[in-house]
Amino acid sequence: DSAVRYAEERHWDVLPGSWLERDEGGA
């Protein structure tokens, strides 16, 4: 929703980036 709003309302270019996840030990 935020990514679409930045493009629609502000006419900003938007880019999908990396994200956080957990390793096998939960870190």
PDB file of all heavy atoms in Angstrom:
ATOM      1  N   ASP A   1       0.829  -1.212   0.000  1.00  0.00           N
ATOM      2  CA  ASP A   1       0.000   0.000   0.000  1.00  0.00           C
ATOM      3  C   ASP A   1       0.862   1.260   0.000  1.00  0.00           C
ATOM      4  O   ASP A   1       0.561   2.227  -0.702  1.00  0.00           O
ATOM      5  CB  ASP A   1      -0.927   0.011   1.217  1.00  0.00           C
ATOM      6  CG  ASP A   1      -2.020  -1.042   1.127  1.00  0.00           C
ATOM      7  OD1 ASP A   1      -2.222  -1.596   0.032  1.00  0.00           O
ATOM      8  OD2 ASP A   1      -2.651  -1.317   2.169  1.00  0.00           O
ATOM      9  N   SER A   2       1.928   1.246   0.794  1.00  0.00           N
ATOM     10  CA  SER A   2       2.791   2.425   0.868  1.00  0.00           C
ATOM     11  C   SER A   2       3.523   2.651  -0.449  1.00  0.00           C
ATOM     12  O   SER A   2       3.614   3.784  -0.929  1.00  0.00           O
ATOM     13  CB  SER A   2       3.809   2.255   2.003  1.00  0.00           C
ATOM     14  OG  SER A   2       3.164   2.206   3.254  1.00  0.00           O
ATOM     15  N   ALA A   3       4.045   1.578  -1.031  1.00  0.00           N
ATOM     16  CA  ALA A   3       4.766   1.703  -2.294  1.00  0.00           C
ATOM     17  C   ALA A   3       3.857   2.282  -3.381  1.00  0.00           C
ATOM     18  O   ALA A   3       4.253   3.182  -4.136  1.00  0.00           O
ATOM     19  CB  ALA A   3       5.319   0.347  -2.720  1.00  0.00           C
ATOM     20  N   VAL A   4       2.628   1.772  -3.453  1.00  0.00           N
ATOM     21  CA  VAL A   4       1.680   2.262  -4.463  1.00  0.00           C
ATOM     22  C   VAL A   4       1.316   3.716  -4.183  1.00  0.00           C
ATOM     23  O   VAL A   4       1.220   4.541  -5.104  1.00  0.00           O
ATOM     24  CB  VAL A   4       0.416   1.378  -4.487  1.00  0.00           C
ATOM     25  CG1 VAL A   4      -0.672   2.014  -5.348  1.00  0.00           C
ATOM     26  CG2 VAL A   4       0.749  -0.016  -5.011  1.00  0.00           C
ATOM     27  N   ARG A   5       1.135   4.060  -2.922  1.00  0.00           N
ATOM     28  CA  ARG A   5       0.763   5.440  -2.573  1.00  0.00           C
ATOM     29  C   ARG A   5       1.868   6.421  -2.946  1.00  0.00           C
ATOM     30  O   ARG A   5       1.593   7.519  -3.448  1.00  0.00           O
ATOM     31  CB  ARG A   5       0.459   5.535  -1.079  1.00  0.00           C
ATOM     32  CG  ARG A   5      -0.104   6.897  -0.680  1.00  0.00           C
ATOM     33  CD  ARG A   5      -0.626   6.885   0.739  1.00  0.00           C
ATOM     34  NE  ARG A   5       0.427   6.682   1.719  1.00  0.00           N
ATOM     35  CZ  ARG A   5       0.599   5.572   2.410  1.00  0.00           C
ATOM     36  NH1 ARG A   5      -0.208   4.529   2.225  1.00  0.00           N
ATOM     37  NH2 ARG A   5       1.582   5.468   3.289  1.00  0.00           N
ATOM     38  N   TYR A   6       3.136   6.046  -2.722  1.00  0.00           N
ATOM     39  CA  TYR A   6       4.232   6.940  -3.087  1.00  0.00           C
ATOM     40  C   TYR A   6       4.232   7.192  -4.598  1.00  0.00           C
ATOM     41  O   TYR A   6       4.508   8.311  -5.050  1.00  0.00           O
ATOM     42  CB  TYR A   6       5.573   6.346  -2.664  1.00  0.00           C
ATOM     43  CG  TYR A   6       5.739   6.179  -1.171  1.00  0.00           C
ATOM     44  CD1 TYR A   6       6.441   5.097  -0.646  1.00  0.00           C
ATOM     45  CD2 TYR A   6       5.192   7.097  -0.276  1.00  0.00           C
ATOM     46  CE1 TYR A   6       6.598   4.935   0.719  1.00  0.00           C
ATOM     47  CE2 TYR A   6       5.342   6.946   1.093  1.00  0.00           C
ATOM     48  CZ  TYR A   6       6.054   5.850   1.584  1.00  0.00           C
ATOM     49  OH  TYR A   6       6.198   5.688   2.941  1.00  0.00           O
ATOM     50  N   ALA A   7       3.940   6.158  -5.372  1.00  0.00           N
ATOM     51  CA  ALA A   7       3.909   6.317  -6.829  1.00  0.00           C
ATOM     52  C   ALA A   7       2.694   7.123  -7.271  1.00  0.00           C
ATOM     53  O   ALA A   7       2.813   8.037  -8.101  1.00  0.00           O
ATOM     54  CB  ALA A   7       3.913   4.948  -7.502  1.00  0.00           C
ATOM     55  N   GLU A   8       1.532   6.806  -6.710  1.00  0.00           N
ATOM     56  CA  GLU A   8       0.287   7.457  -7.139  1.00  0.00           C
ATOM     57  C   GLU A   8       0.194   8.910  -6.681  1.00  0.00           C
ATOM     58  O   GLU A   8      -0.136   9.807  -7.464  1.00  0.00           O
ATOM     59  CB  GLU A   8      -0.922   6.684  -6.606  1.00  0.00           C
ATOM     60  CG  GLU A   8      -1.289   5.468  -7.410  1.00  0.00           C
ATOM     61  CD  GLU A   8      -2.583   4.841  -6.914  1.00  0.00           C
ATOM     62  OE1 GLU A   8      -2.907   4.993  -5.717  1.00  0.00           O
ATOM     63  OE2 GLU A   8      -3.247   4.180  -7.729  1.00  0.00           O
ATOM     64  N   GLU A   9       0.462   9.131  -5.394  1.00  0.00           N
ATOM     65  CA  GLU A   9       0.207  10.443  -4.810  1.00  0.00           C
ATOM     66  C   GLU A   9       1.379  11.409  -4.943  1.00  0.00           C
ATOM     67  O   GLU A   9       1.173  12.617  -5.069  1.00  0.00           O
ATOM     68  CB  GLU A   9      -0.163  10.286  -3.331  1.00  0.00           C
ATOM     69  CG  GLU A   9      -1.453   9.492  -3.112  1.00  0.00           C
ATOM     70  CD  GLU A   9      -1.802   9.350  -1.645  1.00  0.00           C
ATOM     71  OE1 GLU A   9      -1.103   9.957  -0.800  1.00  0.00           O
ATOM     72  OE2 GLU A   9      -2.768   8.632  -1.341  1.00  0.00           O
ATOM     73  N   ARG A  10       2.609  10.880  -4.897  1.00  0.00           N
ATOM     74  CA  ARG A  10       3.777  11.754  -4.961  1.00  0.00           C
ATOM     75  C   ARG A  10       4.495  11.695  -6.305  1.00  0.00           C
ATOM     76  O   ARG A  10       5.366  12.506  -6.570  1.00  0.00           O
ATOM     77  CB  ARG A  10       4.768  11.378  -3.855  1.00  0.00           C
ATOM     78  CG  ARG A  10       4.192  11.441  -2.460  1.00  0.00           C
ATOM     79  CD  ARG A  10       3.727  12.814  -2.062  1.00  0.00           C
ATOM     80  NE  ARG A  10       4.816  13.766  -1.909  1.00  0.00           N
ATOM     81  CZ  ARG A  10       4.732  14.895  -1.218  1.00  0.00           C
ATOM     82  NH1 ARG A  10       3.585  15.226  -0.625  1.00  0.00           N
ATOM     83  NH2 ARG A  10       5.736  15.719  -1.143  1.00  0.00           N
ATOM     84  N   HIS A  11       4.136  10.725  -7.127  1.00  0.00           N
ATOM     85  CA  HIS A  11       4.802  10.518  -8.416  1.00  0.00           C
ATOM     86  C   HIS A  11       6.292  10.238  -8.224  1.00  0.00           C
ATOM     87  O   HIS A  11       7.130  10.669  -9.023  1.00  0.00           O
ATOM     88  CB  HIS A  11       4.581  11.720  -9.338  1.00  0.00           C
ATOM     89  CG  HIS A  11       3.129  12.054  -9.531  1.00  0.00           C
ATOM     90  ND1 HIS A  11       2.249  11.218 -10.201  1.00  0.00           N
ATOM     91  CD2 HIS A  11       2.398  13.121  -9.124  1.00  0.00           C
ATOM     92  CE1 HIS A  11       1.054  11.760 -10.209  1.00  0.00           C
ATOM     93  NE2 HIS A  11       1.106  12.911  -9.549  1.00  0.00           N
ATOM     94  N   TRP A  12       6.609   9.502  -7.150  1.00  0.00           N
ATOM     95  CA  TRP A  12       7.982   9.091  -6.896  1.00  0.00           C
ATOM     96  C   TRP A  12       8.236   7.735  -7.545  1.00  0.00           C
ATOM     97  O   TRP A  12       7.360   6.863  -7.558  1.00  0.00           O
ATOM     98  CB  TRP A  12       8.225   8.951  -5.390  1.00  0.00           C
ATOM     99  CG  TRP A  12       8.245  10.236  -4.638  1.00  0.00           C
ATOM    100  CD1 TRP A  12       8.430  11.490  -5.137  1.00  0.00           C
ATOM    101  CD2 TRP A  12       8.092  10.393  -3.218  1.00  0.00           C
ATOM    102  NE1 TRP A  12       8.399  12.426  -4.132  1.00  0.00           N
ATOM    103  CE2 TRP A  12       8.196  11.780  -2.950  1.00  0.00           C
ATOM    104  CE3 TRP A  12       7.886   9.509  -2.169  1.00  0.00           C
ATOM    105  CZ2 TRP A  12       8.093  12.282  -1.665  1.00  0.00           C
ATOM    106  CZ3 TRP A  12       7.776  10.011  -0.886  1.00  0.00           C
ATOM    107  CH2 TRP A  12       7.884  11.388  -0.633  1.00  0.00           C
ATOM    108  N   ASP A  13       9.450   7.543  -8.054  1.00  0.00           N
ATOM    109  CA  ASP A  13       9.855   6.204  -8.468  1.00  0.00           C
ATOM    110  C   ASP A  13      10.065   5.363  -7.213  1.00  0.00           C
ATOM    111  O   ASP A  13      10.575   5.856  -6.196  1.00  0.00           O
ATOM    112  CB  ASP A  13      11.147   6.264  -9.272  1.00  0.00           C
ATOM    113  CG  ASP A  13      10.921   6.729 -10.700  1.00  0.00           C
ATOM    114  OD1 ASP A  13       9.750   6.958 -11.071  1.00  0.00           O
ATOM    115  OD2 ASP A  13      11.906   6.860 -11.443  1.00  0.00           O
ATOM    116  N   VAL A  14       9.670   4.105  -7.288  1.00  0.00           N
ATOM    117  CA  VAL A  14       9.745   3.207  -6.140  1.00  0.00           C
ATOM    118  C   VAL A  14      10.444   1.917  -6.565  1.00  0.00           C
ATOM    119  O   VAL A  14      10.294   1.457  -7.703  1.00  0.00           O
ATOM    120  CB  VAL A  14       8.339   2.880  -5.589  1.00  0.00           C
ATOM    121  CG1 VAL A  14       8.435   2.102  -4.290  1.00  0.00           C
ATOM    122  CG2 VAL A  14       7.540   4.162  -5.364  1.00  0.00           C
ATOM    123  N   LEU A  15      11.193   1.336  -5.639  1.00  0.00           N
ATOM    124  CA  LEU A  15      11.995   0.149  -5.937  1.00  0.00           C
ATOM    125  C   LEU A  15      11.824  -0.883  -4.834  1.00  0.00           C
ATOM    126  O   LEU A  15      11.926  -0.547  -3.660  1.00  0.00           O
ATOM    127  CB  LEU A  15      13.465   0.562  -6.028  1.00  0.00           C
ATOM    128  CG  LEU A  15      14.495  -0.552  -6.165  1.00  0.00           C
ATOM    129  CD1 LEU A  15      14.459  -1.136  -7.570  1.00  0.00           C
ATOM    130  CD2 LEU A  15      15.887  -0.010  -5.835  1.00  0.00           C
ATOM    131  N   PRO A  16      11.558  -2.159  -5.178  1.00  0.00           N
ATOM    132  CA  PRO A  16      11.537  -3.204  -4.149  1.00  0.00           C
ATOM    133  C   PRO A  16      12.957  -3.598  -3.759  1.00  0.00           C
ATOM    134  O   PRO A  16      13.812  -3.817  -4.624  1.00  0.00           O
ATOM    135  CB  PRO A  16      10.802  -4.369  -4.843  1.00  0.00           C
ATOM    136  CG  PRO A  16      11.095  -4.182  -6.293  1.00  0.00           C
ATOM    137  CD  PRO A  16      11.213  -2.693  -6.510  1.00  0.00           C
ATOM    138  N   GLY A  17      13.209  -3.664  -2.465  1.00  0.00           N
ATOM    139  CA  GLY A  17      14.541  -4.016  -1.986  1.00  0.00           C
ATOM    140  C   GLY A  17      14.561  -5.329  -1.223  1.00  0.00           C
ATOM    141  O   GLY A  17      13.622  -6.126  -1.282  1.00  0.00           O
ATOM    142  N   SER A  18      15.639  -5.548  -0.518  1.00  0.00           N
ATOM    143  CA  SER A  18      15.780  -6.758   0.304  1.00  0.00           C
ATOM    144  C   SER A  18      14.834  -6.685   1.496  1.00  0.00           C
ATOM    145  O   SER A  18      14.135  -5.693   1.698  1.00  0.00           O
ATOM    146  CB  SER A  18      17.233  -6.879   0.776  1.00  0.00           C
ATOM    147  OG  SER A  18      17.590  -5.755   1.565  1.00  0.00           O
ATOM    148  N   TRP A  19      14.820  -7.726   2.313  1.00  0.00           N
ATOM    149  CA  TRP A  19      13.949  -7.759   3.492  1.00  0.00           C
ATOM    150  C   TRP A  19      14.630  -8.557   4.589  1.00  0.00           C
ATOM    151  O   TRP A  19      15.652  -9.215   4.377  1.00  0.00           O
ATOM    152  CB  TRP A  19      12.588  -8.374   3.145  1.00  0.00           C
ATOM    153  CG  TRP A  19      12.679  -9.775   2.587  1.00  0.00           C
ATOM    154  CD1 TRP A  19      12.669 -10.961   3.281  1.00  0.00           C
ATOM    155  CD2 TRP A  19      12.810 -10.123   1.205  1.00  0.00           C
ATOM    156  NE1 TRP A  19      12.789 -12.019   2.430  1.00  0.00           N
ATOM    157  CE2 TRP A  19      12.866 -11.545   1.140  1.00  0.00           C
ATOM    158  CE3 TRP A  19      12.885  -9.407   0.006  1.00  0.00           C
ATOM    159  CZ2 TRP A  19      13.002 -12.232  -0.068  1.00  0.00           C
ATOM    160  CZ3 TRP A  19      13.019 -10.090  -1.187  1.00  0.00           C
ATOM    161  CH2 TRP A  19      13.068 -11.485  -1.217  1.00  0.00           C
ATOM    162  N   LEU A  20      14.073  -8.512   5.782  1.00  0.00           N
ATOM    163  CA  LEU A  20      14.622  -9.242   6.920  1.00  0.00           C
ATOM    164  C   LEU A  20      13.961 -10.602   7.038  1.00  0.00           C
ATOM    165  O   LEU A  20      12.764 -10.749   6.819  1.00  0.00           O
ATOM    166  CB  LEU A  20      14.406  -8.461   8.215  1.00  0.00           C
ATOM    167  CG  LEU A  20      15.209  -7.168   8.373  1.00  0.00           C
ATOM    168  CD1 LEU A  20      14.803  -6.470   9.660  1.00  0.00           C
ATOM    169  CD2 LEU A  20      16.697  -7.441   8.360  1.00  0.00           C
ATOM    170  N   GLU A  21      14.764 -11.581   7.397  1.00  0.00           N
ATOM    171  CA  GLU A  21      14.257 -12.926   7.681  1.00  0.00           C
ATOM    172  C   GLU A  21      15.125 -13.528   8.776  1.00  0.00           C
ATOM    173  O   GLU A  21      16.083 -12.906   9.237  1.00  0.00           O
ATOM    174  CB  GLU A  21      14.287 -13.784   6.418  1.00  0.00           C
ATOM    175  CG  GLU A  21      15.626 -13.850   5.734  1.00  0.00           C
ATOM    176  CD  GLU A  21      15.571 -14.539   4.379  1.00  0.00           C
ATOM    177  OE1 GLU A  21      14.497 -14.567   3.758  1.00  0.00           O
ATOM    178  OE2 GLU A  21      16.618 -15.056   3.954  1.00  0.00           O
ATOM    179  N   ARG A  22      14.800 -14.747   9.202  1.00  0.00           N
ATOM    180  CA  ARG A  22      15.570 -15.405  10.251  1.00  0.00           C
ATOM    181  C   ARG A  22      16.340 -16.580   9.669  1.00  0.00           C
ATOM    182  O   ARG A  22      15.863 -17.268   8.767  1.00  0.00           O
ATOM    183  CB  ARG A  22      14.649 -15.908  11.371  1.00  0.00           C
ATOM    184  CG  ARG A  22      13.977 -14.800  12.163  1.00  0.00           C
ATOM    185  CD  ARG A  22      13.129 -15.377  13.282  1.00  0.00           C
ATOM    186  NE  ARG A  22      12.432 -14.332  14.020  1.00  0.00           N
ATOM    187  CZ  ARG A  22      12.963 -13.665  15.039  1.00  0.00           C
ATOM    188  NH1 ARG A  22      14.190 -13.930  15.433  1.00  0.00           N
ATOM    189  NH2 ARG A  22      12.265 -12.730  15.661  1.00  0.00           N
ATOM    190  N   ASP A  23      17.539 -16.820  10.214  1.00  0.00           N
ATOM    191  CA  ASP A  23      18.291 -17.989   9.790  1.00  0.00           C
ATOM    192  C   ASP A  23      17.808 -19.206  10.569  1.00  0.00           C
ATOM    193  O   ASP A  23      16.841 -19.131  11.351  1.00  0.00           O
ATOM    194  CB  ASP A  23      19.792 -17.773   9.959  1.00  0.00           C
ATOM    195  CG  ASP A  23      20.207 -17.537  11.412  1.00  0.00           C
ATOM    196  OD1 ASP A  23      19.431 -17.893  12.333  1.00  0.00           O
ATOM    197  OD2 ASP A  23      21.304 -16.988  11.629  1.00  0.00           O
ATOM    198  N   GLU A  24      18.444 -20.347  10.378  1.00  0.00           N
ATOM    199  CA  GLU A  24      17.987 -21.590  11.018  1.00  0.00           C
ATOM    200  C   GLU A  24      18.029 -21.511  12.535  1.00  0.00           C
ATOM    201  O   GLU A  24      17.266 -22.185  13.222  1.00  0.00           O
ATOM    202  CB  GLU A  24      18.842 -22.760  10.523  1.00  0.00           C
ATOM    203  CG  GLU A  24      18.657 -23.068   9.043  1.00  0.00           C
ATOM    204  CD  GLU A  24      19.517 -24.238   8.588  1.00  0.00           C
ATOM    205  OE1 GLU A  24      20.310 -24.734   9.423  1.00  0.00           O
ATOM    206  OE2 GLU A  24      19.406 -24.636   7.415  1.00  0.00           O
ATOM    207  N   GLY A  25      18.906 -20.677  13.057  1.00  0.00           N
ATOM    208  CA  GLY A  25      18.994 -20.536  14.508  1.00  0.00           C
ATOM    209  C   GLY A  25      18.082 -19.460  15.068  1.00  0.00           C
ATOM    210  O   GLY A  25      18.077 -19.218  16.266  1.00  0.00           O
ATOM    211  N   GLY A  26      17.316 -18.815  14.192  1.00  0.00           N
ATOM    212  CA  GLY A  26      16.393 -17.782  14.644  1.00  0.00           C
ATOM    213  C   GLY A  26      16.981 -16.391  14.697  1.00  0.00           C
ATOM    214  O   GLY A  26      16.296 -15.441  15.091  1.00  0.00           O
ATOM    215  N   ALA A  27      18.242 -16.255  14.300  1.00  0.00           N
ATOM    216  CA  ALA A  27      18.880 -14.940  14.325  1.00  0.00           C
ATOM    217  C   ALA A  27      18.464 -14.132  13.094  1.00  0.00           C
ATOM    218  O   ALA A  27      18.232 -14.695  12.023  1.00  0.00           O
ATOM    219  CB  ALA A  27      20.395 -15.096  14.359  1.00  0.00           C
TER     220      ALA A  27
END
